[in-house]
Amino acid sequence: MPRSNRHLFAFMVAILLGSFICASPASATTAKDGGVCSKVNEIQLTKKDILICADYGTKLKWRKLVALPAPTKPATKKCTAKKQCVVGDIGPGGGTIFFVSETAFTAPGTSCNTACKYLEAAPNSWHGKTIDPRVIWVDDIVQCYQERSNLPDVNCHGGGIYSNSAGQATSRIANTAIGMGQANTNVILARQTGVSAVTFAAGLADSLVLGGVADWYLPSKDELYLMSTVLRARGFGGFSIGHYWSSSESHPKYAWTQYFADETSFLSLKGGTNYVRPIRAFG
C-alpha cells in the first residue's frame, strides 16, 4: 500500500475510534544550508540533511545539524559539559546526545536555564528493560481546564492544563519549542493531586534518576521530533516502532506524539497509552 494511502487509512481508523490524529509536515523543500530563516531552533528536514535555524548575530541562517544517512554505531566515550559533546556521544547522564546548539538556548525550569547547550536522551534501558514503557498522558485528576474556561475540571482526559482561551492558545504554541520540555513537565505535574507518578508520562519521566542526575523530563514536541530524526534515523537509541509522548498539549483532549518509524507528528488522545523516553538539558 502506498505510504499516502497508509496515512489516510490510519486517519480514517482514528476517526472511527473517536480519536483525532493529525499529521504534521516535517520535510523542507526550499531550506538550504546557509539560507536565511526566521525562527531560532526551528527544524527542517531535507533529503540529505537535518537543518536548524541558528542566530549568527546579524541574521538568522539555516545550518546543517547533521547529515543523513549517518553512522549506525553510537559513541562509547562519555562526554561532559566542560568537554565539547557531539551528536551520538554518551552524555553525563548515561544517555545519548542528540542536540548541540551553537549558541546558548533557554530551557525554563532546568539547571542550565538560559545557558543550555545540549540535549541528552535517556538510554533504552532507563526503565530497567530494553523496551520503553507505555502509559497514558494524564490520569483522572483535578485542576484541569475546558476550552475557554478558568474553572477546573475533575477529569483531565477532557480538560487542558492551561486556563482560559487566550492563555491556552499562547501556551500551546510556545510549549512545542526546543527547550520547553521541562516547563511543560512542571505544568503537568502541578496539576496532579495524589496521582502516582509512574502512571502517567510526565510523572514517569520526572521520576527518573540515572547517571547520578535527576533532572530528566518529558520532551516537548520539537525536542521529540529532533530525537527521532537525529537518533532513530541514525540507528541510535533502541527505540520501539510506535508513538512516543511529548509534553506538548494541543487541545484539552489531545497531546502531541511522534511516530518513531518516520518523521510524522500526530495528535493523540491523552487517555491512550504511548511510549515514553525522558530527556535532559545541560550546558
Protein backbone atom coordinates (compact mmCIF):
# COMPACT_ATOMS: atom_id res chain seq x y z
CA MET A 1 0.00 0.00 0.00
CA PRO A 2 1.49 3.43 -0.88
CA ARG A 3 2.58 5.49 2.12
CA SER A 4 -0.02 8.20 1.46
CA ASN A 5 -2.76 5.56 1.45
CA ARG A 6 -1.46 4.10 4.73
CA HIS A 7 -1.68 7.51 6.40
CA LEU A 8 -5.19 8.04 5.00
CA PHE A 9 -6.23 4.61 6.29
CA ALA A 10 -4.78 5.40 9.74
CA PHE A 11 -6.66 8.70 9.81
CA MET A 12 -9.97 7.02 8.92
CA VAL A 13 -9.46 4.35 11.57
CA ALA A 14 -8.75 7.06 14.14
CA ILE A 15 -11.99 8.85 13.30
CA LEU A 16 -13.93 5.61 13.71
CA LEU A 17 -12.31 5.07 17.10
CA GLY A 18 -13.16 8.58 18.21
CA SER A 19 -9.57 9.78 18.21
CA PHE A 20 -8.39 12.69 16.07
CA ILE A 21 -4.93 12.16 14.61
CA CYS A 22 -3.23 14.95 12.69
CA ALA A 23 -0.06 14.51 10.67
CA SER A 24 2.39 17.39 10.84
CA PRO A 25 4.59 18.02 7.79
CA ALA A 26 8.25 17.62 8.66
CA SER A 27 10.21 17.87 5.43
CA ALA A 28 11.58 21.01 3.82
CA THR A 29 11.72 21.66 0.10
CA THR A 30 13.31 25.13 0.00
CA ALA A 31 15.54 25.36 3.09
CA LYS A 32 19.26 25.23 2.28
CA ASP A 33 22.39 25.28 4.42
CA GLY A 34 23.37 28.95 4.77
CA GLY A 35 19.99 30.25 3.65
CA VAL A 36 18.01 32.82 5.61
CA CYS A 37 15.48 31.54 8.18
CA SER A 38 13.09 33.25 10.59
CA LYS A 39 12.82 31.30 13.89
CA VAL A 40 15.74 30.23 16.09
CA ASN A 41 15.98 26.44 16.58
CA GLU A 42 13.28 25.71 14.00
CA ILE A 43 14.00 22.33 12.39
CA GLN A 44 13.75 21.38 8.71
CA LEU A 45 14.47 18.04 7.12
CA THR A 46 15.82 17.87 3.56
CA LYS A 47 16.58 14.76 1.54
CA LYS A 48 20.18 14.70 2.78
CA ASP A 49 20.41 16.79 5.95
CA ILE A 50 18.68 17.99 9.09
CA LEU A 51 18.84 21.80 9.21
CA ILE A 52 18.31 24.07 12.20
CA CYS A 53 17.77 27.84 12.28
CA ALA A 54 20.73 29.47 14.08
CA ASP A 55 21.38 33.04 15.24
CA TYR A 56 24.53 34.50 13.67
CA GLY A 57 24.22 37.90 15.34
CA THR A 58 23.14 39.98 12.35
CA LYS A 59 20.71 37.49 10.83
CA LEU A 60 19.23 34.03 11.21
CA LYS A 61 20.57 31.33 8.88
CA TRP A 62 19.98 27.63 8.29
CA ARG A 63 22.88 25.42 9.28
CA LYS A 64 23.35 21.69 8.89
CA LEU A 65 22.81 19.97 12.22
CA VAL A 66 23.61 16.50 10.95
CA ALA A 67 23.79 14.68 7.64
CA LEU A 68 21.55 11.80 6.67
CA PRO A 69 22.31 8.98 6.46
CA ALA A 70 24.83 8.91 9.28
CA PRO A 71 26.88 6.30 11.16
CA THR A 72 24.86 3.49 12.71
CA LYS A 73 27.15 2.92 15.70
CA PRO A 74 26.87 5.31 18.66
CA ALA A 75 29.91 6.59 20.52
CA THR A 76 31.22 4.69 23.51
CA LYS A 77 33.12 7.57 25.14
CA LYS A 78 31.33 9.69 27.72
CA CYS A 79 31.47 13.46 27.29
CA THR A 80 30.91 16.13 29.96
CA ALA A 81 29.53 19.64 29.97
CA LYS A 82 33.07 21.03 30.16
CA LYS A 83 34.22 18.95 27.21
CA GLN A 84 32.66 19.53 23.80
CA CYS A 85 29.98 16.93 23.17
CA VAL A 86 28.87 15.89 19.70
CA VAL A 87 25.72 14.18 18.49
CA GLY A 88 25.93 10.46 19.29
CA ASP A 89 28.20 10.87 22.34
CA ILE A 90 27.25 9.30 25.66
CA GLY A 91 26.11 12.19 27.83
CA PRO A 92 26.80 12.91 31.51
CA GLY A 93 23.58 11.13 32.49
CA GLY A 94 24.45 7.99 30.54
CA GLY A 95 22.14 8.75 27.62
CA THR A 96 22.87 9.87 24.05
CA ILE A 97 23.50 13.45 22.92
CA PHE A 98 21.06 14.41 20.16
CA PHE A 99 21.27 18.21 20.07
CA VAL A 100 24.26 20.55 20.24
CA SER A 101 23.46 24.25 19.94
CA GLU A 102 25.96 26.76 18.54
CA THR A 103 24.63 29.39 20.93
CA ALA A 104 23.04 29.01 24.36
CA PHE A 105 19.32 28.26 24.36
CA THR A 106 16.78 28.70 27.14
CA ALA A 107 15.14 25.73 28.85
CA PRO A 108 12.93 27.14 31.65
CA GLY A 109 12.96 25.09 34.82
CA THR A 110 16.26 23.31 34.09
CA SER A 111 19.54 23.83 35.95
CA CYS A 112 21.15 25.37 32.86
CA ASN A 113 18.14 27.73 32.40
CA THR A 114 19.29 30.38 29.85
CA ALA A 115 22.72 28.82 29.26
CA CYS A 116 21.77 25.40 27.89
CA LYS A 117 23.76 23.88 25.04
CA TYR A 118 22.95 20.16 24.88
CA LEU A 119 20.02 17.77 24.92
CA GLU A 120 20.53 14.18 26.04
CA ALA A 121 18.08 11.29 25.60
CA ALA A 122 17.94 8.55 28.22
CA PRO A 123 19.13 5.09 27.06
CA ASN A 124 16.52 2.45 26.19
CA SER A 125 17.40 0.66 29.45
CA TRP A 126 16.31 3.64 31.57
CA HIS A 127 13.25 1.82 32.90
CA GLY A 128 15.03 -1.44 33.72
CA LYS A 129 14.15 -3.10 30.42
CA THR A 130 15.21 -2.67 26.79
CA ILE A 131 11.72 -1.56 25.74
CA ASP A 132 10.32 1.83 26.71
CA PRO A 133 7.24 1.74 28.97
CA ARG A 134 3.81 2.71 27.66
CA VAL A 135 1.50 4.85 29.80
CA ILE A 136 -1.23 7.47 29.38
CA TRP A 137 -0.50 11.22 29.10
CA VAL A 138 -2.54 12.05 32.22
CA ASP A 139 -4.68 10.26 34.76
CA ASP A 140 -8.08 11.41 36.07
CA ILE A 141 -7.08 14.44 38.11
CA VAL A 142 -8.40 17.80 39.27
CA GLN A 143 -7.35 21.34 38.29
CA CYS A 144 -7.66 20.83 34.53
CA TYR A 145 -9.45 23.30 32.28
CA GLN A 146 -12.01 23.07 29.49
CA GLU A 147 -11.56 25.28 26.42
CA ARG A 148 -12.37 28.96 27.15
CA SER A 149 -12.70 28.27 30.87
CA ASN A 150 -10.98 29.32 34.08
CA LEU A 151 -12.88 26.72 36.10
CA PRO A 152 -11.03 23.49 36.92
CA ASP A 153 -12.41 20.23 35.60
CA VAL A 154 -12.30 16.99 37.60
CA ASN A 155 -11.26 14.90 34.58
CA CYS A 156 -8.04 15.81 32.80
CA HIS A 157 -8.85 13.44 29.94
CA GLY A 158 -11.36 16.09 28.91
CA GLY A 159 -9.58 19.17 30.22
CA GLY A 160 -6.42 21.06 29.35
CA ILE A 161 -3.55 22.04 31.62
CA TYR A 162 -3.95 25.74 30.69
CA SER A 163 -6.78 28.05 31.78
CA ASN A 164 -8.77 30.44 29.51
CA SER A 165 -8.76 30.50 25.71
CA ALA A 166 -6.20 33.30 25.25
CA GLY A 167 -3.74 31.69 27.65
CA GLN A 168 -4.36 28.25 26.19
CA ALA A 169 -3.69 29.40 22.63
CA THR A 170 -0.47 31.22 23.54
CA SER A 171 0.82 28.43 25.76
CA ARG A 172 0.08 25.68 23.24
CA ILE A 173 2.07 27.47 20.54
CA ALA A 174 5.02 28.16 22.85
CA ASN A 175 5.09 24.75 24.52
CA THR A 176 6.16 22.87 21.38
CA ALA A 177 9.58 24.54 21.06
CA ILE A 178 13.05 23.21 21.78
CA GLY A 179 13.81 23.96 25.43
CA MET A 180 10.20 23.80 26.63
CA GLY A 181 10.02 20.17 27.75
CA GLN A 182 10.92 20.80 31.39
CA ALA A 183 8.49 23.72 31.70
CA ASN A 184 5.70 21.60 30.18
CA THR A 185 6.51 18.73 32.53
CA ASN A 186 6.38 21.07 35.52
CA VAL A 187 2.97 22.44 34.50
CA ILE A 188 1.57 18.92 34.08
CA LEU A 189 2.97 17.84 37.46
CA ALA A 190 1.46 20.92 39.12
CA ARG A 191 -2.00 19.69 38.07
CA GLN A 192 -1.55 16.34 39.82
CA THR A 193 -3.17 15.74 43.18
CA GLY A 194 -2.14 12.44 44.73
CA VAL A 195 -1.69 10.55 41.45
CA SER A 196 1.14 8.02 41.30
CA ALA A 197 3.95 9.43 39.13
CA VAL A 198 4.60 6.11 37.39
CA THR A 199 1.10 6.02 35.91
CA PHE A 200 1.42 8.97 33.50
CA ALA A 201 4.05 10.14 31.01
CA ALA A 202 5.36 13.36 32.58
CA GLY A 203 5.44 11.84 36.06
CA LEU A 204 7.30 8.78 34.84
CA ALA A 205 9.93 10.89 33.06
CA ASP A 206 10.31 13.27 36.01
CA SER A 207 10.81 10.42 38.49
CA LEU A 208 13.88 9.08 36.67
CA VAL A 209 17.24 9.20 38.46
CA LEU A 210 20.02 7.96 36.18
CA GLY A 211 23.75 8.56 35.85
CA GLY A 212 23.77 10.48 39.10
CA VAL A 213 21.32 13.10 37.79
CA ALA A 214 17.61 13.57 38.50
CA ASP A 215 16.74 16.36 36.04
CA TRP A 216 15.08 14.23 33.36
CA TYR A 217 11.77 15.33 31.85
CA LEU A 218 9.25 14.57 29.09
CA PRO A 219 10.42 16.21 25.82
CA SER A 220 8.44 18.89 24.01
CA LYS A 221 7.06 18.22 20.51
CA ASP A 222 10.10 19.73 18.75
CA GLU A 223 12.57 18.07 21.13
CA LEU A 224 10.88 14.72 20.49
CA TYR A 225 10.90 15.29 16.73
CA LEU A 226 14.60 16.14 16.88
CA MET A 227 15.29 13.00 18.92
CA SER A 228 13.55 10.93 16.26
CA THR A 229 15.25 12.49 13.24
CA VAL A 230 18.73 12.58 14.79
CA LEU A 231 18.85 9.36 16.83
CA ARG A 232 16.23 6.98 15.45
CA ALA A 233 17.13 7.78 11.84
CA ARG A 234 20.80 7.05 12.64
CA GLY A 235 20.07 3.75 14.37
CA PHE A 236 20.79 5.13 17.86
CA GLY A 237 18.69 4.77 20.98
CA GLY A 238 16.95 1.40 20.66
CA PHE A 239 13.53 3.00 20.12
CA SER A 240 10.38 0.98 19.58
CA ILE A 241 8.35 1.41 16.40
CA GLY A 242 5.33 3.26 17.66
CA HIS A 243 4.09 6.55 19.07
CA TYR A 244 6.05 8.40 21.77
CA TRP A 245 4.52 11.04 24.03
CA SER A 246 5.71 14.64 24.03
CA SER A 247 4.88 17.02 26.88
CA SER A 248 3.17 19.44 24.46
CA GLU A 249 -0.59 19.76 24.81
CA SER A 250 -2.52 20.71 21.67
CA HIS A 251 -6.11 20.63 22.94
CA PRO A 252 -7.92 19.76 26.18
CA LYS A 253 -8.24 16.16 24.97
CA TYR A 254 -5.10 15.75 22.85
CA ALA A 255 -1.31 15.94 23.15
CA TRP A 256 1.41 15.65 20.51
CA THR A 257 3.13 12.34 19.81
CA GLN A 258 5.91 11.37 17.41
CA TYR A 259 5.67 8.22 15.33
CA PHE A 260 9.06 6.50 15.56
CA ALA A 261 9.02 4.87 12.14
CA ASP A 262 9.07 8.03 10.01
CA GLU A 263 9.16 11.79 10.59
CA THR A 264 5.46 12.27 11.36
CA SER A 265 3.92 14.02 14.36
CA PHE A 266 0.38 13.17 15.49
CA LEU A 267 -2.29 14.28 17.92
CA SER A 268 -3.27 11.51 20.31
CA LEU A 269 -5.96 11.22 22.96
CA LYS A 270 -4.48 11.83 26.41
CA GLY A 271 -6.12 8.70 27.79
CA GLY A 272 -4.37 6.43 25.28
CA THR A 273 -1.10 4.65 26.04
CA ASN A 274 2.12 5.53 24.19
CA TYR A 275 5.86 5.10 24.74
CA VAL A 276 7.91 7.39 26.99
CA ARG A 277 11.58 8.38 26.64
CA PRO A 278 12.92 11.07 29.06
CA ILE A 279 15.50 13.69 28.10
CA ARG A 280 17.52 16.33 29.91
CA ALA A 281 19.13 19.68 29.04
CA PHE A 282 22.54 20.81 30.25
CA GLY A 283 25.14 23.45 29.46
